[in-house]
């Protein structure tokens, strides 16, 4: 079972922090790039214990690990 709560909010916060802007300044919104419900469903599925979700957003490589870690490169 993972400990990730609200992965979408964590991704938005991490990207905003990496860029030194407020989350509301991110354009396009994350929901236009990736389906938030799909990301949440994937990381909350306790049967997918070895699943990492990876995608690109605003030039950043985003990793959401099954452990709950959100990484922005």
N, C-alpha and C. Protein backbone atom coordinates (compact mmCIF):
# COMPACT_ATOMS: atom_id res chain seq x y z
N UNK A 1 0.85 -1.19 0.00
CA UNK A 1 0.00 0.00 0.00
C UNK A 1 0.88 1.24 0.00
N UNK A 2 0.52 2.25 -0.78
CA UNK A 2 1.35 3.45 -0.85
C UNK A 2 0.83 4.51 0.11
N UNK A 3 1.63 5.55 0.29
CA UNK A 3 1.25 6.60 1.22
C UNK A 3 1.05 7.93 0.51
N UNK A 4 0.81 7.89 -0.78
CA UNK A 4 0.63 9.11 -1.55
C UNK A 4 -0.78 9.64 -1.39
N UNK A 5 -0.89 10.85 -0.92
CA UNK A 5 -2.18 11.49 -0.81
C UNK A 5 -2.20 12.68 -1.75
N UNK A 6 -3.24 12.77 -2.56
CA UNK A 6 -3.45 13.85 -3.52
C UNK A 6 -2.21 14.07 -4.39
N UNK A 7 -1.89 13.10 -5.24
CA UNK A 7 -0.69 13.20 -6.06
C UNK A 7 -0.71 14.40 -7.01
N UNK A 8 -1.88 14.78 -7.49
CA UNK A 8 -1.96 15.90 -8.42
C UNK A 8 -1.52 17.19 -7.74
N UNK A 9 -2.00 17.43 -6.54
CA UNK A 9 -1.60 18.63 -5.79
C UNK A 9 -0.10 18.62 -5.52
N UNK A 10 0.45 17.45 -5.20
CA UNK A 10 1.89 17.36 -4.95
C UNK A 10 2.69 17.65 -6.22
N UNK A 11 2.22 17.17 -7.36
CA UNK A 11 2.91 17.43 -8.62
C UNK A 11 2.89 18.92 -8.94
N UNK A 12 1.73 19.53 -8.83
CA UNK A 12 1.59 20.97 -9.12
C UNK A 12 2.49 21.78 -8.19
N UNK A 13 2.48 21.45 -6.91
CA UNK A 13 3.33 22.17 -5.95
C UNK A 13 4.81 22.00 -6.28
N UNK A 14 5.21 20.78 -6.63
CA UNK A 14 6.62 20.52 -6.93
C UNK A 14 7.08 21.25 -8.17
N UNK A 15 6.24 21.28 -9.21
CA UNK A 15 6.61 21.98 -10.44
C UNK A 15 6.67 23.48 -10.18
N UNK A 16 5.69 24.01 -9.47
CA UNK A 16 5.69 25.44 -9.14
C UNK A 16 6.92 25.81 -8.33
N UNK A 17 7.28 24.97 -7.37
CA UNK A 17 8.48 25.23 -6.55
C UNK A 17 9.73 25.20 -7.42
N UNK A 18 9.82 24.22 -8.32
CA UNK A 18 11.00 24.11 -9.19
C UNK A 18 11.14 25.33 -10.09
N UNK A 19 10.02 25.93 -10.46
CA UNK A 19 10.05 27.09 -11.35
C UNK A 19 10.02 28.42 -10.60
N UNK A 20 9.83 28.36 -9.29
CA UNK A 20 9.79 29.58 -8.49
C UNK A 20 8.56 30.43 -8.74
N UNK A 21 7.43 29.77 -9.02
CA UNK A 21 6.18 30.48 -9.26
C UNK A 21 5.09 29.90 -8.37
N UNK A 22 3.94 30.60 -8.34
CA UNK A 22 2.80 30.08 -7.60
C UNK A 22 2.11 29.02 -8.46
N UNK A 23 1.51 28.03 -7.83
CA UNK A 23 0.84 26.97 -8.58
C UNK A 23 -0.19 27.47 -9.59
N UNK A 24 -0.89 28.53 -9.26
CA UNK A 24 -1.92 29.05 -10.18
C UNK A 24 -1.31 29.66 -11.44
N UNK A 25 0.00 29.91 -11.43
CA UNK A 25 0.66 30.50 -12.58
C UNK A 25 1.04 29.46 -13.63
N UNK A 26 0.90 28.18 -13.32
CA UNK A 26 1.29 27.13 -14.26
C UNK A 26 0.29 27.06 -15.41
N UNK A 27 0.82 27.21 -16.62
CA UNK A 27 -0.01 27.18 -17.81
C UNK A 27 0.70 26.38 -18.88
N UNK A 28 0.11 25.37 -19.44
CA UNK A 28 -1.27 24.94 -19.25
C UNK A 28 -1.45 24.23 -17.92
N UNK A 29 -2.69 24.17 -17.45
CA UNK A 29 -2.96 23.42 -16.23
C UNK A 29 -2.58 21.95 -16.42
N UNK A 30 -2.16 21.32 -15.34
CA UNK A 30 -1.75 19.92 -15.40
C UNK A 30 -2.84 19.04 -15.99
N UNK A 31 -4.10 19.34 -15.70
CA UNK A 31 -5.21 18.53 -16.19
C UNK A 31 -5.33 18.54 -17.71
N UNK A 32 -4.70 19.49 -18.39
CA UNK A 32 -4.69 19.50 -19.85
C UNK A 32 -3.60 18.60 -20.42
N UNK A 33 -2.68 18.16 -19.59
CA UNK A 33 -1.56 17.34 -20.02
C UNK A 33 -1.78 15.87 -19.67
N UNK A 34 -2.30 15.63 -18.49
CA UNK A 34 -2.51 14.26 -18.00
C UNK A 34 -3.85 14.21 -17.28
N UNK A 35 -4.51 13.08 -17.37
CA UNK A 35 -5.80 12.90 -16.71
C UNK A 35 -5.57 12.71 -15.21
N UNK A 36 -5.97 13.69 -14.40
CA UNK A 36 -5.72 13.60 -12.95
C UNK A 36 -6.36 12.36 -12.32
N UNK A 37 -7.56 12.00 -12.76
CA UNK A 37 -8.22 10.83 -12.20
C UNK A 37 -7.44 9.56 -12.51
N UNK A 38 -6.87 9.48 -13.71
CA UNK A 38 -6.09 8.30 -14.08
C UNK A 38 -4.82 8.19 -13.24
N UNK A 39 -4.13 9.32 -13.03
CA UNK A 39 -2.91 9.30 -12.21
C UNK A 39 -3.26 8.87 -10.79
N UNK A 40 -4.30 9.46 -10.22
CA UNK A 40 -4.70 9.10 -8.87
C UNK A 40 -5.08 7.63 -8.77
N UNK A 41 -5.81 7.13 -9.75
CA UNK A 41 -6.22 5.73 -9.73
C UNK A 41 -5.02 4.80 -9.81
N UNK A 42 -4.04 5.15 -10.64
CA UNK A 42 -2.86 4.30 -10.78
C UNK A 42 -2.04 4.26 -9.50
N UNK A 43 -1.80 5.40 -8.88
CA UNK A 43 -0.95 5.41 -7.69
C UNK A 43 -1.68 4.95 -6.44
N UNK A 44 -2.99 4.97 -6.44
CA UNK A 44 -3.75 4.51 -5.28
C UNK A 44 -4.07 3.03 -5.34
N UNK A 45 -3.84 2.39 -6.47
CA UNK A 45 -4.15 0.97 -6.64
C UNK A 45 -3.13 0.16 -5.86
N UNK A 46 -3.55 -0.40 -4.75
CA UNK A 46 -2.62 -1.12 -3.89
C UNK A 46 -2.08 -2.39 -4.53
N UNK A 47 -2.69 -2.87 -5.61
CA UNK A 47 -2.19 -4.07 -6.29
C UNK A 47 -1.06 -3.74 -7.25
N UNK A 48 -0.85 -2.47 -7.52
CA UNK A 48 0.21 -2.06 -8.45
C UNK A 48 1.41 -1.54 -7.67
N UNK A 49 1.97 -2.37 -6.83
CA UNK A 49 3.01 -1.93 -5.90
C UNK A 49 4.32 -1.57 -6.57
N UNK A 50 4.55 -2.02 -7.80
CA UNK A 50 5.79 -1.68 -8.48
C UNK A 50 5.56 -0.68 -9.61
N UNK A 51 4.51 0.09 -9.52
CA UNK A 51 4.15 0.99 -10.60
C UNK A 51 4.69 2.39 -10.35
N UNK A 52 5.40 2.92 -11.34
CA UNK A 52 5.80 4.32 -11.34
C UNK A 52 5.08 4.99 -12.49
N UNK A 53 4.59 6.20 -12.27
CA UNK A 53 3.94 6.98 -13.32
C UNK A 53 4.93 8.06 -13.73
N UNK A 54 5.22 8.11 -15.04
CA UNK A 54 6.16 9.10 -15.57
C UNK A 54 5.52 9.84 -16.73
N UNK A 55 5.76 11.15 -16.78
CA UNK A 55 5.30 11.95 -17.91
C UNK A 55 6.06 13.27 -17.90
N UNK A 56 5.89 14.06 -18.97
CA UNK A 56 6.55 15.35 -19.06
C UNK A 56 5.51 16.45 -18.91
N UNK A 57 5.89 17.49 -18.17
CA UNK A 57 5.01 18.64 -17.97
C UNK A 57 5.86 19.89 -17.88
N UNK A 58 5.60 20.85 -18.76
CA UNK A 58 6.30 22.14 -18.80
C UNK A 58 7.82 21.97 -18.88
N UNK A 59 8.26 20.96 -19.62
CA UNK A 59 9.68 20.72 -19.79
C UNK A 59 10.32 19.96 -18.65
N UNK A 60 9.55 19.52 -17.69
CA UNK A 60 10.05 18.75 -16.55
C UNK A 60 9.67 17.28 -16.71
N UNK A 61 10.56 16.40 -16.33
CA UNK A 61 10.24 14.99 -16.25
C UNK A 61 9.64 14.74 -14.87
N UNK A 62 8.43 14.23 -14.84
CA UNK A 62 7.71 14.00 -13.59
C UNK A 62 7.70 12.50 -13.31
N UNK A 63 8.02 12.14 -12.09
CA UNK A 63 7.94 10.76 -11.63
C UNK A 63 7.07 10.72 -10.38
N UNK A 64 6.06 9.87 -10.41
CA UNK A 64 5.26 9.61 -9.22
C UNK A 64 5.47 8.14 -8.91
N UNK A 65 6.21 7.87 -7.86
CA UNK A 65 6.55 6.49 -7.49
C UNK A 65 5.46 5.90 -6.61
N UNK A 66 5.37 4.59 -6.63
CA UNK A 66 4.36 3.90 -5.82
C UNK A 66 4.58 4.16 -4.33
N UNK A 67 5.78 4.57 -3.95
CA UNK A 67 6.09 4.86 -2.55
C UNK A 67 5.47 6.16 -2.08
N UNK A 68 4.98 6.96 -3.04
CA UNK A 68 4.42 8.26 -2.67
C UNK A 68 5.33 9.41 -3.00
N UNK A 69 6.51 9.11 -3.48
CA UNK A 69 7.49 10.16 -3.82
C UNK A 69 7.12 10.80 -5.15
N UNK A 70 7.14 12.13 -5.17
CA UNK A 70 6.97 12.90 -6.41
C UNK A 70 8.31 13.55 -6.71
N UNK A 71 8.83 13.30 -7.90
CA UNK A 71 10.12 13.86 -8.30
C UNK A 71 9.94 14.68 -9.55
N UNK A 72 10.52 15.88 -9.57
CA UNK A 72 10.47 16.78 -10.71
C UNK A 72 11.90 17.06 -11.13
N UNK A 73 12.23 16.70 -12.37
CA UNK A 73 13.59 16.96 -12.90
C UNK A 73 13.49 17.94 -14.05
